[in-house]
């Protein structure tokens, strides 16, 4: 069963593919409202919603690893 965030993410993706997509709008989930005013705002919101959906589904977020080196000593 998918959660709130996954449902919102899927709806946003469907809206983006729709020919009637608007460059401004808003979404509501669990009493919270999110709005966007440009395509860049929408993409940033979509990325954030995807991260929340992944957390909700138990998918660990990607984190780049740092390689420990000797620091230039010998």
N, C-alpha and C. Protein backbone atom coordinates (compact mmCIF):
# COMPACT_ATOMS: atom_id res chain seq x y z
N UNK A 1 0.84 -1.18 0.00
CA UNK A 1 0.00 0.00 0.00
C UNK A 1 0.89 1.24 0.00
N UNK A 2 0.61 2.14 -0.88
CA UNK A 2 1.42 3.34 -0.95
C UNK A 2 0.90 4.37 0.05
N UNK A 3 1.80 5.26 0.44
CA UNK A 3 1.45 6.26 1.43
C UNK A 3 1.08 7.59 0.79
N UNK A 4 0.88 8.57 1.64
CA UNK A 4 0.49 9.90 1.18
C UNK A 4 1.49 10.49 0.19
N UNK A 5 2.78 10.42 0.56
CA UNK A 5 3.80 11.06 -0.26
C UNK A 5 3.95 10.38 -1.61
N UNK A 6 3.87 9.05 -1.62
CA UNK A 6 4.00 8.32 -2.90
C UNK A 6 2.82 8.66 -3.80
N UNK A 7 1.62 8.73 -3.25
CA UNK A 7 0.45 9.10 -4.05
C UNK A 7 0.60 10.50 -4.63
N UNK A 8 1.09 11.44 -3.80
CA UNK A 8 1.29 12.81 -4.28
C UNK A 8 2.35 12.84 -5.37
N UNK A 9 3.42 12.09 -5.20
CA UNK A 9 4.49 12.04 -6.19
C UNK A 9 3.95 11.53 -7.53
N UNK A 10 3.19 10.46 -7.49
CA UNK A 10 2.63 9.90 -8.73
C UNK A 10 1.66 10.89 -9.39
N UNK A 11 0.85 11.58 -8.59
CA UNK A 11 -0.08 12.58 -9.13
C UNK A 11 0.68 13.73 -9.79
N UNK A 12 1.75 14.18 -9.15
CA UNK A 12 2.55 15.27 -9.71
C UNK A 12 3.19 14.86 -11.03
N UNK A 13 3.68 13.63 -11.11
CA UNK A 13 4.28 13.14 -12.36
C UNK A 13 3.24 13.06 -13.47
N UNK A 14 2.06 12.59 -13.13
CA UNK A 14 0.97 12.55 -14.13
C UNK A 14 0.61 13.95 -14.60
N UNK A 15 0.55 14.89 -13.66
CA UNK A 15 0.22 16.27 -14.01
C UNK A 15 1.28 16.88 -14.92
N UNK A 16 2.54 16.57 -14.66
CA UNK A 16 3.64 17.11 -15.47
C UNK A 16 3.55 16.60 -16.90
N UNK A 17 3.11 15.37 -17.09
CA UNK A 17 2.99 14.79 -18.42
C UNK A 17 1.73 15.23 -19.15
N UNK A 18 0.80 15.81 -18.43
CA UNK A 18 -0.46 16.25 -19.02
C UNK A 18 -0.24 17.46 -19.92
N UNK A 19 -0.91 17.51 -21.06
CA UNK A 19 -0.79 18.69 -21.92
C UNK A 19 -1.40 19.94 -21.30
N UNK A 20 -2.22 19.78 -20.28
CA UNK A 20 -2.86 20.93 -19.61
C UNK A 20 -2.04 21.40 -18.41
N UNK A 21 -0.77 20.98 -18.31
CA UNK A 21 0.08 21.37 -17.16
C UNK A 21 0.23 22.89 -17.13
N UNK A 22 0.07 23.45 -15.94
CA UNK A 22 0.21 24.89 -15.76
C UNK A 22 1.52 25.21 -15.05
N UNK A 23 2.06 26.36 -15.33
CA UNK A 23 3.33 26.76 -14.74
C UNK A 23 3.16 27.27 -13.30
N UNK A 24 1.96 27.23 -12.78
CA UNK A 24 1.72 27.63 -11.39
C UNK A 24 0.59 26.78 -10.85
N UNK A 25 0.57 26.56 -9.57
CA UNK A 25 -0.49 25.77 -8.97
C UNK A 25 -0.13 25.36 -7.55
N UNK A 26 -0.91 24.44 -7.00
CA UNK A 26 -0.64 23.99 -5.63
C UNK A 26 -1.17 22.57 -5.45
N UNK A 27 -0.65 21.91 -4.43
CA UNK A 27 -1.08 20.58 -4.03
C UNK A 27 -1.29 20.58 -2.53
N UNK A 28 -2.18 19.72 -2.06
CA UNK A 28 -2.43 19.58 -0.63
C UNK A 28 -2.31 18.13 -0.23
N UNK A 29 -1.74 17.90 0.95
CA UNK A 29 -1.60 16.55 1.48
C UNK A 29 -1.62 16.63 2.99
N UNK A 30 -2.45 15.84 3.59
CA UNK A 30 -2.53 15.71 5.06
C UNK A 30 -2.57 17.07 5.75
N UNK A 31 -3.38 17.98 5.24
CA UNK A 31 -3.53 19.28 5.88
C UNK A 31 -2.45 20.29 5.54
N UNK A 32 -1.48 19.92 4.72
CA UNK A 32 -0.41 20.84 4.31
C UNK A 32 -0.62 21.21 2.85
N UNK A 33 -0.27 22.43 2.51
CA UNK A 33 -0.42 22.90 1.14
C UNK A 33 0.94 23.32 0.59
N UNK A 34 1.21 22.95 -0.66
CA UNK A 34 2.47 23.28 -1.32
C UNK A 34 2.14 23.95 -2.64
N UNK A 35 2.77 25.09 -2.90
CA UNK A 35 2.49 25.79 -4.15
C UNK A 35 3.79 26.02 -4.91
N UNK A 36 3.66 26.23 -6.22
CA UNK A 36 4.80 26.51 -7.06
C UNK A 36 4.40 27.60 -8.05
N UNK A 37 5.38 28.38 -8.50
CA UNK A 37 5.09 29.50 -9.40
C UNK A 37 5.87 29.42 -10.71
N UNK A 38 6.71 28.41 -10.85
CA UNK A 38 7.47 28.25 -12.09
C UNK A 38 7.80 26.78 -12.26
N UNK A 39 8.30 26.44 -13.42
CA UNK A 39 8.69 25.06 -13.69
C UNK A 39 9.85 24.65 -12.78
N UNK A 40 10.77 25.56 -12.50
CA UNK A 40 11.88 25.25 -11.59
C UNK A 40 11.37 24.97 -10.18
N UNK A 41 10.40 25.77 -9.72
CA UNK A 41 9.79 25.52 -8.41
C UNK A 41 9.11 24.16 -8.39
N UNK A 42 8.41 23.83 -9.48
CA UNK A 42 7.73 22.54 -9.55
C UNK A 42 8.73 21.40 -9.48
N UNK A 43 9.81 21.50 -10.23
CA UNK A 43 10.83 20.44 -10.22
C UNK A 43 11.45 20.28 -8.84
N UNK A 44 11.74 21.39 -8.17
CA UNK A 44 12.30 21.32 -6.82
C UNK A 44 11.30 20.66 -5.86
N UNK A 45 10.04 21.03 -5.98
CA UNK A 45 9.00 20.43 -5.15
C UNK A 45 8.86 18.94 -5.45
N UNK A 46 8.92 18.57 -6.73
CA UNK A 46 8.82 17.17 -7.12
C UNK A 46 9.98 16.36 -6.54
N UNK A 47 11.20 16.91 -6.56
CA UNK A 47 12.36 16.22 -5.98
C UNK A 47 12.18 16.03 -4.48
N UNK A 48 11.69 17.08 -3.81
CA UNK A 48 11.48 16.99 -2.36
C UNK A 48 10.42 15.96 -2.02
N UNK A 49 9.32 15.96 -2.77
CA UNK A 49 8.24 14.99 -2.54
C UNK A 49 8.74 13.58 -2.78
N UNK A 50 9.60 13.39 -3.80
CA UNK A 50 10.16 12.06 -4.06
C UNK A 50 11.01 11.59 -2.89
N UNK A 51 11.83 12.48 -2.33
CA UNK A 51 12.64 12.11 -1.16
C UNK A 51 11.75 11.71 0.01
N UNK A 52 10.66 12.47 0.24
CA UNK A 52 9.73 12.13 1.31
C UNK A 52 9.05 10.78 1.05
N UNK A 53 8.70 10.53 -0.21
CA UNK A 53 8.06 9.26 -0.57
C UNK A 53 9.03 8.09 -0.36
N UNK A 54 10.29 8.31 -0.72
CA UNK A 54 11.29 7.26 -0.52
C UNK A 54 11.49 6.97 0.96
N UNK A 55 11.52 8.01 1.78
CA UNK A 55 11.63 7.81 3.24
C UNK A 55 10.43 7.03 3.76
N UNK A 56 9.26 7.38 3.28
CA UNK A 56 8.04 6.73 3.70
C UNK A 56 8.05 5.24 3.31
N UNK A 57 8.64 4.95 2.15
CA UNK A 57 8.71 3.57 1.67
C UNK A 57 9.89 2.80 2.24
N UNK A 58 10.74 3.48 3.01
CA UNK A 58 11.88 2.81 3.62
C UNK A 58 13.10 2.73 2.72
N UNK A 59 13.14 3.55 1.67
CA UNK A 59 14.29 3.58 0.77
C UNK A 59 15.26 4.62 1.30
N UNK A 60 16.48 4.20 1.57
CA UNK A 60 17.48 5.11 2.13
C UNK A 60 17.89 6.13 1.08
N UNK A 61 18.03 7.39 1.48
CA UNK A 61 18.46 8.42 0.52
C UNK A 61 19.91 8.19 0.11
N UNK A 62 20.24 8.58 -1.13
CA UNK A 62 21.61 8.43 -1.63
C UNK A 62 22.51 9.45 -0.94
N UNK A 63 23.62 8.98 -0.46
CA UNK A 63 24.62 9.87 0.12
C UNK A 63 25.96 9.47 -0.47
N UNK A 64 26.66 10.43 -1.03
CA UNK A 64 27.97 10.14 -1.61
C UNK A 64 28.95 9.78 -0.49
N UNK A 65 29.80 8.83 -0.77
CA UNK A 65 30.79 8.43 0.23
C UNK A 65 32.04 9.27 0.09
N UNK A 66 32.67 9.48 1.20
CA UNK A 66 33.97 10.18 1.19
C UNK A 66 35.05 9.14 1.41
N UNK A 67 36.10 9.29 0.67
CA UNK A 67 37.20 8.35 0.78
C UNK A 67 38.23 8.95 1.71
N UNK A 68 38.59 8.19 2.72
CA UNK A 68 39.62 8.65 3.66
C UNK A 68 40.99 8.42 3.04
N UNK A 69 41.80 9.43 3.06
CA UNK A 69 43.16 9.33 2.53
C UNK A 69 44.13 9.70 3.64
N UNK A 70 45.38 9.54 3.36
CA UNK A 70 46.37 9.79 4.41
C UNK A 70 46.65 11.27 4.63
N UNK A 71 45.99 12.15 3.89
CA UNK A 71 46.14 13.59 4.12
C UNK A 71 47.45 14.15 3.63
N UNK A 72 48.15 13.44 2.75
CA UNK A 72 49.40 13.92 2.19
C UNK A 72 50.62 13.63 3.05
N UNK A 73 50.41 12.88 4.10
CA UNK A 73 51.55 12.56 4.96
C UNK A 73 52.12 11.20 4.55
N UNK A 74 53.24 11.21 3.98
CA UNK A 74 54.02 10.02 3.66
C UNK A 74 53.37 9.06 2.84
